Amino acid sequence: MKRFILMITFVIIASTAASAQDDYAKRKAEGYIREAESYQSKADSYRREAQSYLNDAARYLREMEYYKDRNDLGRAQTQQKYADQAFENCRTKLRYAAEYEDKAAQYLRWAADALRK
């Protein structure tokens, strides 16, 4: 009888420990998912900023053409410089967005690994 009670107690403790481990893995995965969502949100923000810079560059190029047609080459060169800077900023923001998307994907992989354990 004593052995039976000891065995039942062991089964209860083992199942409680397994449940606690499952809860830990679930909480860990949820944390990873929140981080992934945060990084994805930042990547989306960088993409919106890149689109804004692209729109600015297009505007600067239109203004450059306008000043070129008016034979105001100094202002045309200035607008060309602004367009180049806007394109560079756009490329930078897109690079940041790609990096943040990679981080989000990594966190999602970690979440999947945590749930598999």
PDB file of N, CA and C in Angstrom:
ATOM      1  N   MET A   1       0.832  -1.188   0.000  1.00  0.00           N
ATOM      2  CA  MET A   1       0.000   0.000   0.000  1.00  0.00           C
ATOM      3  C   MET A   1       0.873   1.247   0.000  1.00  0.00           C
ATOM      4  N   LYS A   2       1.932   1.197   0.824  1.00  0.00           N
ATOM      5  CA  LYS A   2       2.823   2.341   0.899  1.00  0.00           C
ATOM      6  C   LYS A   2       3.484   2.592  -0.455  1.00  0.00           C
ATOM      7  N   ARG A   3       3.835   1.510  -1.116  1.00  0.00           N
ATOM      8  CA  ARG A   3       4.447   1.606  -2.433  1.00  0.00           C
ATOM      9  C   ARG A   3       3.477   2.211  -3.437  1.00  0.00           C
ATOM     10  N   PHE A   4       2.217   1.827  -3.368  1.00  0.00           N
ATOM     11  CA  PHE A   4       1.184   2.350  -4.267  1.00  0.00           C
ATOM     12  C   PHE A   4       1.005   3.854  -4.062  1.00  0.00           C
ATOM     13  N   ILE A   5       0.947   4.300  -2.816  1.00  0.00           N
ATOM     14  CA  ILE A   5       0.797   5.726  -2.510  1.00  0.00           C
ATOM     15  C   ILE A   5       2.026   6.491  -2.997  1.00  0.00           C
ATOM     16  N   LEU A   6       3.201   5.906  -2.804  1.00  0.00           N
ATOM     17  CA  LEU A   6       4.426   6.542  -3.275  1.00  0.00           C
ATOM     18  C   LEU A   6       4.422   6.666  -4.800  1.00  0.00           C
ATOM     19  N   MET A   7       3.944   5.637  -5.469  1.00  0.00           N
ATOM     20  CA  MET A   7       3.884   5.658  -6.928  1.00  0.00           C
ATOM     21  C   MET A   7       2.886   6.713  -7.415  1.00  0.00           C
ATOM     22  N   ILE A   8       1.730   6.802  -6.779  1.00  0.00           N
ATOM     23  CA  ILE A   8       0.719   7.813  -7.136  1.00  0.00           C
ATOM     24  C   ILE A   8       1.296   9.215  -6.923  1.00  0.00           C
ATOM     25  N   THR A   9       1.974   9.404  -5.801  1.00  0.00           N
ATOM     26  CA  THR A   9       2.580  10.707  -5.508  1.00  0.00           C
ATOM     27  C   THR A   9       3.608  11.068  -6.577  1.00  0.00           C
ATOM     28  N   PHE A  10       4.417  10.088  -6.979  1.00  0.00           N
ATOM     29  CA  PHE A  10       5.418  10.332  -8.016  1.00  0.00           C
ATOM     30  C   PHE A  10       4.759  10.726  -9.337  1.00  0.00           C
ATOM     31  N   VAL A  11       3.685  10.048  -9.705  1.00  0.00           N
ATOM     32  CA  VAL A  11       2.967  10.370 -10.951  1.00  0.00           C
ATOM     33  C   VAL A  11       2.396  11.782 -10.891  1.00  0.00           C
ATOM     34  N   ILE A  12       1.837  12.162  -9.764  1.00  0.00           N
ATOM     35  CA  ILE A  12       1.270  13.512  -9.613  1.00  0.00           C
ATOM     36  C   ILE A  12       2.374  14.567  -9.723  1.00  0.00           C
ATOM     37  N   ILE A  13       3.488  14.330  -9.053  1.00  0.00           N
ATOM     38  CA  ILE A  13       4.604  15.291  -9.105  1.00  0.00           C
ATOM     39  C   ILE A  13       5.157  15.382 -10.526  1.00  0.00           C
ATOM     40  N   ALA A  14       5.300  14.243 -11.186  1.00  0.00           N
ATOM     41  CA  ALA A  14       5.832  14.243 -12.550  1.00  0.00           C
ATOM     42  C   ALA A  14       4.904  14.980 -13.508  1.00  0.00           C
ATOM     43  N   SER A  15       3.591  14.756 -13.367  1.00  0.00           N
ATOM     44  CA  SER A  15       2.652  15.444 -14.262  1.00  0.00           C
ATOM     45  C   SER A  15       2.620  16.945 -13.981  1.00  0.00           C
ATOM     46  N   THR A  16       2.759  17.330 -12.715  1.00  0.00           N
ATOM     47  CA  THR A  16       2.807  18.754 -12.364  1.00  0.00           C
ATOM     48  C   THR A  16       4.055  19.403 -12.947  1.00  0.00           C
ATOM     49  N   ALA A  17       5.178  18.722 -12.863  1.00  0.00           N
ATOM     50  CA  ALA A  17       6.430  19.259 -13.414  1.00  0.00           C
ATOM     51  C   ALA A  17       6.330  19.390 -14.932  1.00  0.00           C
ATOM     52  N   ALA A  18       5.736  18.408 -15.589  1.00  0.00           N
ATOM     53  CA  ALA A  18       5.573  18.478 -17.045  1.00  0.00           C
ATOM     54  C   ALA A  18       4.658  19.626 -17.427  1.00  0.00           C
ATOM     55  N   SER A  19       3.605  19.817 -16.645  1.00  0.00           N
ATOM     56  CA  SER A  19       2.680  20.918 -16.909  1.00  0.00           C
ATOM     57  C   SER A  19       3.375  22.261 -16.738  1.00  0.00           C
ATOM     58  N   ALA A  20       4.188  22.377 -15.703  1.00  0.00           N
ATOM     59  CA  ALA A  20       4.922  23.624 -15.478  1.00  0.00           C
ATOM     60  C   ALA A  20       5.894  23.881 -16.624  1.00  0.00           C
ATOM     61  N   GLN A  21       6.525  22.823 -17.118  1.00  0.00           N
ATOM     62  CA  GLN A  21       7.446  22.969 -18.246  1.00  0.00           C
ATOM     63  C   GLN A  21       6.695  23.412 -19.493  1.00  0.00           C
ATOM     64  N   ASP A  22       5.505  22.858 -19.723  1.00  0.00           N
ATOM     65  CA  ASP A  22       4.694  23.265 -20.868  1.00  0.00           C
ATOM     66  C   ASP A  22       4.292  24.729 -20.752  1.00  0.00           C
ATOM     67  N   ASP A  23       3.921  25.154 -19.537  1.00  0.00           N
ATOM     68  CA  ASP A  23       3.556  26.556 -19.322  1.00  0.00           C
ATOM     69  C   ASP A  23       4.746  27.467 -19.588  1.00  0.00           C
ATOM     70  N   TYR A  24       5.927  27.042 -19.155  1.00  0.00           N
ATOM     71  CA  TYR A  24       7.127  27.844 -19.383  1.00  0.00           C
ATOM     72  C   TYR A  24       7.393  27.983 -20.882  1.00  0.00           C
ATOM     73  N   ALA A  25       7.301  26.866 -21.604  1.00  0.00           N
ATOM     74  CA  ALA A  25       7.540  26.901 -23.047  1.00  0.00           C
ATOM     75  C   ALA A  25       6.510  27.784 -23.741  1.00  0.00           C
ATOM     76  N   LYS A  26       5.272  27.700 -23.287  1.00  0.00           N
ATOM     77  CA  LYS A  26       4.213  28.519 -23.882  1.00  0.00           C
ATOM     78  C   LYS A  26       4.467  30.001 -23.617  1.00  0.00           C
ATOM     79  N   ARG A  27       4.830  30.337 -22.386  1.00  0.00           N
ATOM     80  CA  ARG A  27       5.123  31.749 -22.058  1.00  0.00           C
ATOM     81  C   ARG A  27       6.327  32.246 -22.843  1.00  0.00           C
ATOM     82  N   LYS A  28       7.328  31.405 -22.974  1.00  0.00           N
ATOM     83  CA  LYS A  28       8.531  31.768 -23.729  1.00  0.00           C
ATOM     84  C   LYS A  28       8.167  32.011 -25.195  1.00  0.00           C
ATOM     85  N   ALA A  29       7.352  31.135 -25.763  1.00  0.00           N
ATOM     86  CA  ALA A  29       6.930  31.296 -27.158  1.00  0.00           C
ATOM     87  C   ALA A  29       6.107  32.564 -27.336  1.00  0.00           C
ATOM     88  N   GLU A  30       5.227  32.845 -26.378  1.00  0.00           N
ATOM     89  CA  GLU A  30       4.421  34.071 -26.465  1.00  0.00           C
ATOM     90  C   GLU A  30       5.305  35.310 -26.413  1.00  0.00           C
ATOM     91  N   GLY A  31       6.339  35.266 -25.587  1.00  0.00           N
ATOM     92  CA  GLY A  31       7.287  36.383 -25.525  1.00  0.00           C
ATOM     93  C   GLY A  31       8.012  36.571 -26.849  1.00  0.00           C
ATOM     94  N   TYR A  32       8.428  35.451 -27.448  1.00  0.00           N
ATOM     95  CA  TYR A  32       9.087  35.531 -28.754  1.00  0.00           C
ATOM     96  C   TYR A  32       8.139  36.091 -29.815  1.00  0.00           C
ATOM     97  N   ILE A  33       6.887  35.681 -29.752  1.00  0.00           N
ATOM     98  CA  ILE A  33       5.911  36.171 -30.733  1.00  0.00           C
ATOM     99  C   ILE A  33       5.695  37.671 -30.566  1.00  0.00           C
ATOM    100  N   ARG A  34       5.614  38.136 -29.322  1.00  0.00           N
ATOM    101  CA  ARG A  34       5.474  39.587 -29.094  1.00  0.00           C
ATOM    102  C   ARG A  34       6.677  40.348 -29.652  1.00  0.00           C
ATOM    103  N   GLU A  35       7.867  39.815 -29.437  1.00  0.00           N
ATOM    104  CA  GLU A  35       9.070  40.458 -29.982  1.00  0.00           C
ATOM    105  C   GLU A  35       9.024  40.470 -31.510  1.00  0.00           C
ATOM    106  N   ALA A  36       8.597  39.358 -32.097  1.00  0.00           N
ATOM    107  CA  ALA A  36       8.505  39.288 -33.560  1.00  0.00           C
ATOM    108  C   ALA A  36       7.514  40.318 -34.086  1.00  0.00           C
ATOM    109  N   GLU A  37       6.378  40.455 -33.409  1.00  0.00           N
ATOM    110  CA  GLU A  37       5.391  41.454 -33.831  1.00  0.00           C
ATOM    111  C   GLU A  37       5.956  42.860 -33.717  1.00  0.00           C
ATOM    112  N   SER A  38       6.725  43.102 -32.668  1.00  0.00           N
ATOM    113  CA  SER A  38       7.345  44.415 -32.483  1.00  0.00           C
ATOM    114  C   SER A  38       8.329  44.707 -33.613  1.00  0.00           C
ATOM    115  N   TYR A  39       9.181  43.739 -33.924  1.00  0.00           N
ATOM    116  CA  TYR A  39      10.145  43.938 -35.010  1.00  0.00           C
ATOM    117  C   TYR A  39       9.439  44.099 -36.356  1.00  0.00           C
ATOM    118  N   GLN A  40       8.369  43.343 -36.566  1.00  0.00           N
ATOM    119  CA  GLN A  40       7.632  43.472 -37.824  1.00  0.00           C
ATOM    120  C   GLN A  40       6.984  44.848 -37.922  1.00  0.00           C
ATOM    121  N   SER A  41       6.485  45.345 -36.812  1.00  0.00           N
ATOM    122  CA  SER A  41       5.893  46.685 -36.793  1.00  0.00           C
ATOM    123  C   SER A  41       6.945  47.742 -37.132  1.00  0.00           C
ATOM    124  N   LYS A  42       8.136  47.590 -36.567  1.00  0.00           N
ATOM    125  CA  LYS A  42       9.217  48.529 -36.872  1.00  0.00           C
ATOM    126  C   LYS A  42       9.610  48.436 -38.344  1.00  0.00           C
ATOM    127  N   ALA A  43       9.641  47.222 -38.883  1.00  0.00           N
ATOM    128  CA  ALA A  43       9.970  47.057 -40.304  1.00  0.00           C
ATOM    129  C   ALA A  43       8.929  47.750 -41.175  1.00  0.00           C
ATOM    130  N   ASP A  44       7.663  47.607 -40.811  1.00  0.00           N
ATOM    131  CA  ASP A  44       6.604  48.289 -41.567  1.00  0.00           C
ATOM    132  C   ASP A  44       6.771  49.798 -41.492  1.00  0.00           C
ATOM    133  N   SER A  45       7.140  50.290 -40.327  1.00  0.00           N
ATOM    134  CA  SER A  45       7.368  51.726 -40.156  1.00  0.00           C
ATOM    135  C   SER A  45       8.516  52.195 -41.045  1.00  0.00           C
ATOM    136  N   TYR A  46       9.593  51.418 -41.098  1.00  0.00           N
ATOM    137  CA  TYR A  46      10.715  51.781 -41.970  1.00  0.00           C
ATOM    138  C   TYR A  46      10.297  51.757 -43.443  1.00  0.00           C
ATOM    139  N   ARG A  47       9.447  50.814 -43.809  1.00  0.00           N
ATOM    140  CA  ARG A  47       8.981  50.768 -45.205  1.00  0.00           C
ATOM    141  C   ARG A  47       8.143  52.001 -45.537  1.00  0.00           C
ATOM    142  N   ARG A  48       7.310  52.434 -44.602  1.00  0.00           N
ATOM    143  CA  ARG A  48       6.527  53.657 -44.836  1.00  0.00           C
ATOM    144  C   ARG A  48       7.443  54.871 -44.975  1.00  0.00           C
ATOM    145  N   GLU A  49       8.466  54.937 -44.129  1.00  0.00           N
ATOM    146  CA  GLU A  49       9.419  56.043 -44.240  1.00  0.00           C
ATOM    147  C   GLU A  49      10.146  55.999 -45.577  1.00  0.00           C
ATOM    148  N   ALA A  50      10.516  54.803 -46.019  1.00  0.00           N
ATOM    149  CA  ALA A  50      11.190  54.666 -47.311  1.00  0.00           C
ATOM    150  C   ALA A  50      10.285  55.150 -48.439  1.00  0.00           C
ATOM    151  N   GLN A  51       9.005  54.818 -48.362  1.00  0.00           N
ATOM    152  CA  GLN A  51       8.059  55.276 -49.381  1.00  0.00           C
ATOM    153  C   GLN A  51       7.963  56.799 -49.375  1.00  0.00           C
ATOM    154  N   SER A  52       7.988  57.382 -48.201  1.00  0.00           N
ATOM    155  CA  SER A  52       7.954  58.840 -48.092  1.00  0.00           C
ATOM    156  C   SER A  52       9.189  59.459 -48.748  1.00  0.00           C
ATOM    157  N   TYR A  53      10.359  58.885 -48.481  1.00  0.00           N
ATOM    158  CA  TYR A  53      11.582  59.393 -49.113  1.00  0.00           C
ATOM    159  C   TYR A  53      11.534  59.217 -50.632  1.00  0.00           C
ATOM    160  N   LEU A  54      10.954  58.120 -51.080  1.00  0.00           N
ATOM    161  CA  LEU A  54      10.833  57.901 -52.521  1.00  0.00           C
ATOM    162  C   LEU A  54       9.926  58.951 -53.153  1.00  0.00           C
ATOM    163  N   ASN A  55       8.836  59.266 -52.477  1.00  0.00           N
ATOM    164  CA  ASN A  55       7.947  60.324 -52.971  1.00  0.00           C
ATOM    165  C   ASN A  55       8.668  61.671 -53.000  1.00  0.00           C
ATOM    166  N   ASP A  56       9.463  61.947 -51.963  1.00  0.00           N
ATOM    167  CA  ASP A  56      10.236  63.189 -51.932  1.00  0.00           C
ATOM    168  C   ASP A  56      11.214  63.248 -53.103  1.00  0.00           C
ATOM    169  N   ALA A  57      11.888  62.128 -53.353  1.00  0.00           N
ATOM    170  CA  ALA A  57      12.853  62.092 -54.454  1.00  0.00           C
ATOM    171  C   ALA A  57      12.162  62.360 -55.788  1.00  0.00           C
ATOM    172  N   ALA A  58      10.992  61.771 -55.980  1.00  0.00           N
ATOM    173  CA  ALA A  58      10.247  62.010 -57.225  1.00  0.00           C
ATOM    174  C   ALA A  58       9.877  63.488 -57.344  1.00  0.00           C
ATOM    175  N   ARG A  59       9.470  64.085 -56.243  1.00  0.00           N
ATOM    176  CA  ARG A  59       9.132  65.514 -56.261  1.00  0.00           C
ATOM    177  C   ARG A  59      10.358  66.357 -56.598  1.00  0.00           C
ATOM    178  N   TYR A  60      11.495  66.025 -55.988  1.00  0.00           N
ATOM    179  CA  TYR A  60      12.719  66.774 -56.270  1.00  0.00           C
ATOM    180  C   TYR A  60      13.124  66.637 -57.738  1.00  0.00           C
ATOM    181  N   LEU A  61      12.939  65.456 -58.307  1.00  0.00           N
ATOM    182  CA  LEU A  61      13.277  65.271 -59.721  1.00  0.00           C
ATOM    183  C   LEU A  61      12.355  66.085 -60.625  1.00  0.00           C
ATOM    184  N   ARG A  62      11.073  66.151 -60.265  1.00  0.00           N
ATOM    185  CA  ARG A  62      10.152  66.992 -61.045  1.00  0.00           C
ATOM    186  C   ARG A  62      10.572  68.456 -60.964  1.00  0.00           C
ATOM    187  N   GLU A  63      10.934  68.887 -59.758  1.00  0.00           N
ATOM    188  CA  GLU A  63      11.386  70.269 -59.591  1.00  0.00           C
ATOM    189  C   GLU A  63      12.684  70.516 -60.350  1.00  0.00           C
ATOM    190  N   MET A  64      13.569  69.519 -60.382  1.00  0.00           N
ATOM    191  CA  MET A  64      14.806  69.646 -61.139  1.00  0.00           C
ATOM    192  C   MET A  64      14.509  69.866 -62.619  1.00  0.00           C
ATOM    193  N   GLU A  65      13.583  69.060 -63.145  1.00  0.00           N
ATOM    194  CA  GLU A  65      13.198  69.225 -64.555  1.00  0.00           C
ATOM    195  C   GLU A  65      12.599  70.607 -64.799  1.00  0.00           C
ATOM    196  N   TYR A  66      11.792  71.062 -63.874  1.00  0.00           N
ATOM    197  CA  TYR A  66      11.181  72.390 -64.002  1.00  0.00           C
ATOM    198  C   TYR A  66      12.264  73.462 -64.092  1.00  0.00           C
ATOM    199  N   TYR A  67      13.236  73.412 -63.180  1.00  0.00           N
ATOM    200  CA  TYR A  67      14.292  74.425 -63.176  1.00  0.00           C
ATOM    201  C   TYR A  67      15.220  74.274 -64.384  1.00  0.00           C
ATOM    202  N   LYS A  68      15.408  73.053 -64.836  1.00  0.00           N
ATOM    203  CA  LYS A  68      16.227  72.829 -66.027  1.00  0.00           C
ATOM    204  C   LYS A  68      15.568  73.456 -67.255  1.00  0.00           C
ATOM    205  N   ASP A  69      14.245  73.264 -67.353  1.00  0.00           N
ATOM    206  CA  ASP A  69      13.507  73.865 -68.468  1.00  0.00           C
ATOM    207  C   ASP A  69      13.567  75.384 -68.413  1.00  0.00           C
ATOM    208  N   ARG A  70      13.651  75.945 -67.236  1.00  0.00           N
ATOM    209  CA  ARG A  70      13.717  77.402 -67.061  1.00  0.00           C
ATOM    210  C   ARG A  70      15.160  77.907 -67.164  1.00  0.00           C
ATOM    211  N   ASN A  71      16.080  76.978 -67.410  1.00  0.00           N
ATOM    212  CA  ASN A  71      17.502  77.296 -67.565  1.00  0.00           C
ATOM    213  C   ASN A  71      18.125  77.843 -66.275  1.00  0.00           C
ATOM    214  N   ASP A  72      17.578  77.407 -65.128  1.00  0.00           N
ATOM    215  CA  ASP A  72      18.145  77.770 -63.827  1.00  0.00           C
ATOM    216  C   ASP A  72      18.936  76.552 -63.331  1.00  0.00           C
ATOM    217  N   LEU A  73      20.151  76.420 -63.850  1.00  0.00           N
ATOM    218  CA  LEU A  73      20.930  75.206 -63.603  1.00  0.00           C
ATOM    219  C   LEU A  73      21.396  75.079 -62.154  1.00  0.00           C
ATOM    220  N   GLY A  74      21.602  76.181 -61.470  1.00  0.00           N
ATOM    221  CA  GLY A  74      22.000  76.126 -60.063  1.00  0.00           C
ATOM    222  C   GLY A  74      20.931  75.467 -59.211  1.00  0.00           C
ATOM    223  N   ARG A  75      19.695  75.905 -59.404  1.00  0.00           N
ATOM    224  CA  ARG A  75      18.591  75.290 -58.642  1.00  0.00           C
ATOM    225  C   ARG A  75      18.352  73.849 -59.095  1.00  0.00           C
ATOM    226  N   ALA A  76      18.532  73.585 -60.370  1.00  0.00           N
ATOM    227  CA  ALA A  76      18.356  72.216 -60.873  1.00  0.00           C
ATOM    228  C   ALA A  76      19.366  71.278 -60.216  1.00  0.00           C
ATOM    229  N   GLN A  77      20.607  71.735 -60.086  1.00  0.00           N
ATOM    230  CA  GLN A  77      21.627  70.911 -59.435  1.00  0.00           C
ATOM    231  C   GLN A  77      21.295  70.693 -57.957  1.00  0.00           C
ATOM    232  N   THR A  78      20.789  71.734 -57.324  1.00  0.00           N
ATOM    233  CA  THR A  78      20.401  71.606 -55.917  1.00  0.00           C
ATOM    234  C   THR A  78      19.285  70.576 -55.759  1.00  0.00           C
ATOM    235  N   GLN A  79      18.294  70.630 -56.641  1.00  0.00           N
ATOM    236  CA  GLN A  79      17.189  69.668 -56.579  1.00  0.00           C
ATOM    237  C   GLN A  79      17.689  68.252 -56.860  1.00  0.00           C
ATOM    238  N   GLN A  80      18.661  68.132 -57.780  1.00  0.00           N
ATOM    239  CA  GLN A  80      19.252  66.821 -58.064  1.00  0.00           C
ATOM    240  C   GLN A  80      19.957  66.285 -56.815  1.00  0.00           C
ATOM    241  N   LYS A  81      20.653  67.150 -56.109  1.00  0.00           N
ATOM    242  CA  LYS A  81      21.344  66.744 -54.874  1.00  0.00           C
ATOM    243  C   LYS A  81      20.329  66.282 -53.827  1.00  0.00           C
ATOM    244  N   TYR A  82      19.234  67.032 -53.695  1.00  0.00           N
ATOM    245  CA  TYR A  82      18.187  66.637 -52.749  1.00  0.00           C
ATOM    246  C   TYR A  82      17.584  65.277 -53.129  1.00  0.00           C
ATOM    247  N   ALA A  83      17.381  65.062 -54.431  1.00  0.00           N
ATOM    248  CA  ALA A  83      16.824  63.784 -54.893  1.00  0.00           C
ATOM    249  C   ALA A  83      17.782  62.641 -54.571  1.00  0.00           C
ATOM    250  N   ASP A  84      19.073  62.862 -54.797  1.00  0.00           N
ATOM    251  CA  ASP A  84      20.065  61.827 -54.478  1.00  0.00           C
ATOM    252  C   ASP A  84      20.053  61.491 -52.986  1.00  0.00           C
ATOM    253  N   GLN A  85      19.958  62.526 -52.153  1.00  0.00           N
ATOM    254  CA  GLN A  85      19.907  62.293 -50.705  1.00  0.00           C
ATOM    255  C   GLN A  85      18.644  61.522 -50.320  1.00  0.00           C
ATOM    256  N   ALA A  86      17.527  61.873 -50.949  1.00  0.00           N
ATOM    257  CA  ALA A  86      16.272  61.177 -50.644  1.00  0.00           C
ATOM    258  C   ALA A  86      16.350  59.710 -51.073  1.00  0.00           C
ATOM    259  N   PHE A  87      16.953  59.442 -52.241  1.00  0.00           N
ATOM    260  CA  PHE A  87      17.125  58.054 -52.685  1.00  0.00           C
ATOM    261  C   PHE A  87      18.019  57.284 -51.719  1.00  0.00           C
ATOM    262  N   GLU A  88      19.077  57.917 -51.264  1.00  0.00           N
ATOM    263  CA  GLU A  88      19.975  57.262 -50.313  1.00  0.00           C
ATOM    264  C   GLU A  88      19.246  56.959 -49.002  1.00  0.00           C
ATOM    265  N   ASN A  89      18.460  57.911 -48.534  1.00  0.00           N
ATOM    266  CA  ASN A  89      17.671  57.681 -47.316  1.00  0.00           C
ATOM    267  C   ASN A  89      16.670  56.553 -47.521  1.00  0.00           C
ATOM    268  N   CYS A  90      16.080  56.492 -48.696  1.00  0.00           N
ATOM    269  CA  CYS A  90      15.129  55.420 -49.014  1.00  0.00           C
ATOM    270  C   CYS A  90      15.825  54.064 -48.952  1.00  0.00           C
ATOM    271  N   ARG A  91      16.994  53.960 -49.579  1.00  0.00           N
ATOM    272  CA  ARG A  91      17.746  52.695 -49.553  1.00  0.00           C
ATOM    273  C   ARG A  91      18.112  52.303 -48.120  1.00  0.00           C
ATOM    274  N   THR A  92      18.506  53.286 -47.326  1.00  0.00           N
ATOM    275  CA  THR A  92      18.868  53.010 -45.931  1.00  0.00           C
ATOM    276  C   THR A  92      17.667  52.470 -45.156  1.00  0.00           C
ATOM    277  N   LYS A  93      16.520  53.114 -45.317  1.00  0.00           N
ATOM    278  CA  LYS A  93      15.315  52.671 -44.602  1.00  0.00           C
ATOM    279  C   LYS A  93      14.898  51.276 -45.052  1.00  0.00           C
ATOM    280  N   LEU A  94      15.037  50.990 -46.345  1.00  0.00           N
ATOM    281  CA  LEU A  94      14.693  49.647 -46.825  1.00  0.00           C
ATOM    282  C   LEU A  94      15.653  48.603 -46.257  1.00  0.00           C
ATOM    283  N   ARG A  95      16.920  48.964 -46.114  1.00  0.00           N
ATOM    284  CA  ARG A  95      17.882  48.043 -45.507  1.00  0.00           C
ATOM    285  C   ARG A  95      17.510  47.772 -44.050  1.00  0.00           C
ATOM    286  N   TYR A  96      17.146  48.835 -43.319  1.00  0.00           N
ATOM    287  CA  TYR A  96      16.716  48.658 -41.932  1.00  0.00           C
ATOM    288  C   TYR A  96      15.474  47.770 -41.858  1.00  0.00           C
ATOM    289  N   ALA A  97      14.537  47.988 -42.767  1.00  0.00           N
ATOM    290  CA  ALA A  97      13.309  47.184 -42.775  1.00  0.00           C
ATOM    291  C   ALA A  97      13.638  45.709 -42.988  1.00  0.00           C
ATOM    292  N   ALA A  98      14.551  45.439 -43.910  1.00  0.00           N
ATOM    293  CA  ALA A  98      14.935  44.046 -44.170  1.00  0.00           C
ATOM    294  C   ALA A  98      15.592  43.426 -42.939  1.00  0.00           C
ATOM    295  N   GLU A  99      16.441  44.195 -42.263  1.00  0.00           N
ATOM    296  CA  GLU A  99      17.090  43.677 -41.054  1.00  0.00           C
ATOM    297  C   GLU A  99      16.061  43.363 -39.970  1.00  0.00           C
ATOM    298  N   TYR A 100      15.092  44.247 -39.801  1.00  0.00           N
ATOM    299  CA  TYR A 100      14.079  44.024 -38.771  1.00  0.00           C
ATOM    300  C   TYR A 100      13.164  42.861 -39.144  1.00  0.00           C
ATOM    301  N   GLU A 101      12.885  42.682 -40.431  1.00  0.00           N
ATOM    302  CA  GLU A 101      12.087  41.519 -40.831  1.00  0.00           C
ATOM    303  C   GLU A 101      12.849  40.228 -40.570  1.00  0.00           C
ATOM    304  N   ASP A 102      14.160  40.243 -40.796  1.00  0.00           N
ATOM    305  CA  ASP A 102      14.970  39.064 -40.485  1.00  0.00           C
ATOM    306  C   ASP A 102      14.934  38.755 -38.988  1.00  0.00           C
ATOM    307  N   LYS A 103      15.006  39.797 -38.164  1.00  0.00           N
ATOM    308  CA  LYS A 103      14.930  39.582 -36.714  1.00  0.00           C
ATOM    309  C   LYS A 103      13.563  39.028 -36.324  1.00  0.00           C
ATOM    310  N   ALA A 104      12.508  39.541 -36.942  1.00  0.00           N
ATOM    311  CA  ALA A 104      11.162  39.037 -36.647  1.00  0.00           C
ATOM    312  C   ALA A 104      11.058  37.562 -37.020  1.00  0.00           C
ATOM    313  N   ALA A 105      11.604  37.202 -38.169  1.00  0.00           N
ATOM    314  CA  ALA A 105      11.575  35.800 -38.595  1.00  0.00           C
ATOM    315  C   ALA A 105      12.357  34.925 -37.619  1.00  0.00           C
ATOM    316  N   GLN A 106      13.488  35.428 -37.139  1.00  0.00           N
ATOM    317  CA  GLN A 106      14.281  34.666 -36.174  1.00  0.00           C
ATOM    318  C   GLN A 106      13.492  34.429 -34.886  1.00  0.00           C
ATOM    319  N   TYR A 107      12.812  35.462 -34.403  1.00  0.00           N
ATOM    320  CA  TYR A 107      12.013  35.303 -33.186  1.00  0.00           C
ATOM    321  C   TYR A 107      10.863  34.321 -33.409  1.00  0.00           C
ATOM    322  N   LEU A 108      10.279  34.321 -34.588  1.00  0.00           N
ATOM    323  CA  LEU A 108       9.213  33.349 -34.866  1.00  0.00           C
ATOM    324  C   LEU A 108       9.770  31.930 -34.904  1.00  0.00           C
ATOM    325  N   ARG A 109      10.990  31.767 -35.433  1.00  0.00           N
ATOM    326  CA  ARG A 109      11.614  30.435 -35.409  1.00  0.00           C
ATOM    327  C   ARG A 109      11.866  29.999 -33.970  1.00  0.00           C
ATOM    328  N   TRP A 110      12.329  30.938 -33.142  1.00  0.00           N
ATOM    329  CA  TRP A 110      12.563  30.600 -31.737  1.00  0.00           C
ATOM    330  C   TRP A 110      11.261  30.232 -31.040  1.00  0.00           C
ATOM    331  N   ALA A 111      10.179  30.916 -31.374  1.00  0.00           N
ATOM    332  CA  ALA A 111       8.878  30.591 -30.779  1.00  0.00           C
ATOM    333  C   ALA A 111       8.454  29.182 -31.181  1.00  0.00           C
ATOM    334  N   ALA A 112       8.637  28.854 -32.448  1.00  0.00           N
ATOM    335  CA  ALA A 112       8.280  27.510 -32.912  1.00  0.00           C
ATOM    336  C   ALA A 112       9.129  26.455 -32.212  1.00  0.00           C
ATOM    337  N   ASP A 113      10.410  26.739 -32.048  1.00  0.00           N
ATOM    338  CA  ASP A 113      11.285  25.793 -31.344  1.00  0.00           C
ATOM    339  C   ASP A 113      10.863  25.623 -29.887  1.00  0.00           C
ATOM    340  N   ALA A 114      10.470  26.723 -29.257  1.00  0.00           N
ATOM    341  CA  ALA A 114      10.046  26.646 -27.850  1.00  0.00           C
ATOM    342  C   ALA A 114       8.788  25.800 -27.708  1.00  0.00           C
ATOM    343  N   LEU A 115       7.888  25.894 -28.672  1.00  0.00           N
ATOM    344  CA  LEU A 115       6.653  25.109 -28.590  1.00  0.00           C
ATOM    345  C   LEU A 115       6.892  23.636 -28.905  1.00  0.00           C
ATOM    346  N   ARG A 116       7.921  23.335 -29.688  1.00  0.00           N
ATOM    347  CA  ARG A 116       8.218  21.937 -30.016  1.00  0.00           C
ATOM    348  C   ARG A 116       8.800  21.188 -28.829  1.00  0.00           C
ATOM    349  N   LYS A 117       9.456  21.908 -27.927  1.00  0.00           N
ATOM    350  CA  LYS A 117      10.128  21.246 -26.792  1.00  0.00           C
ATOM    351  C   LYS A 117       9.146  20.766 -25.765  1.00  0.00           C
TER     352      LYS A 117
END
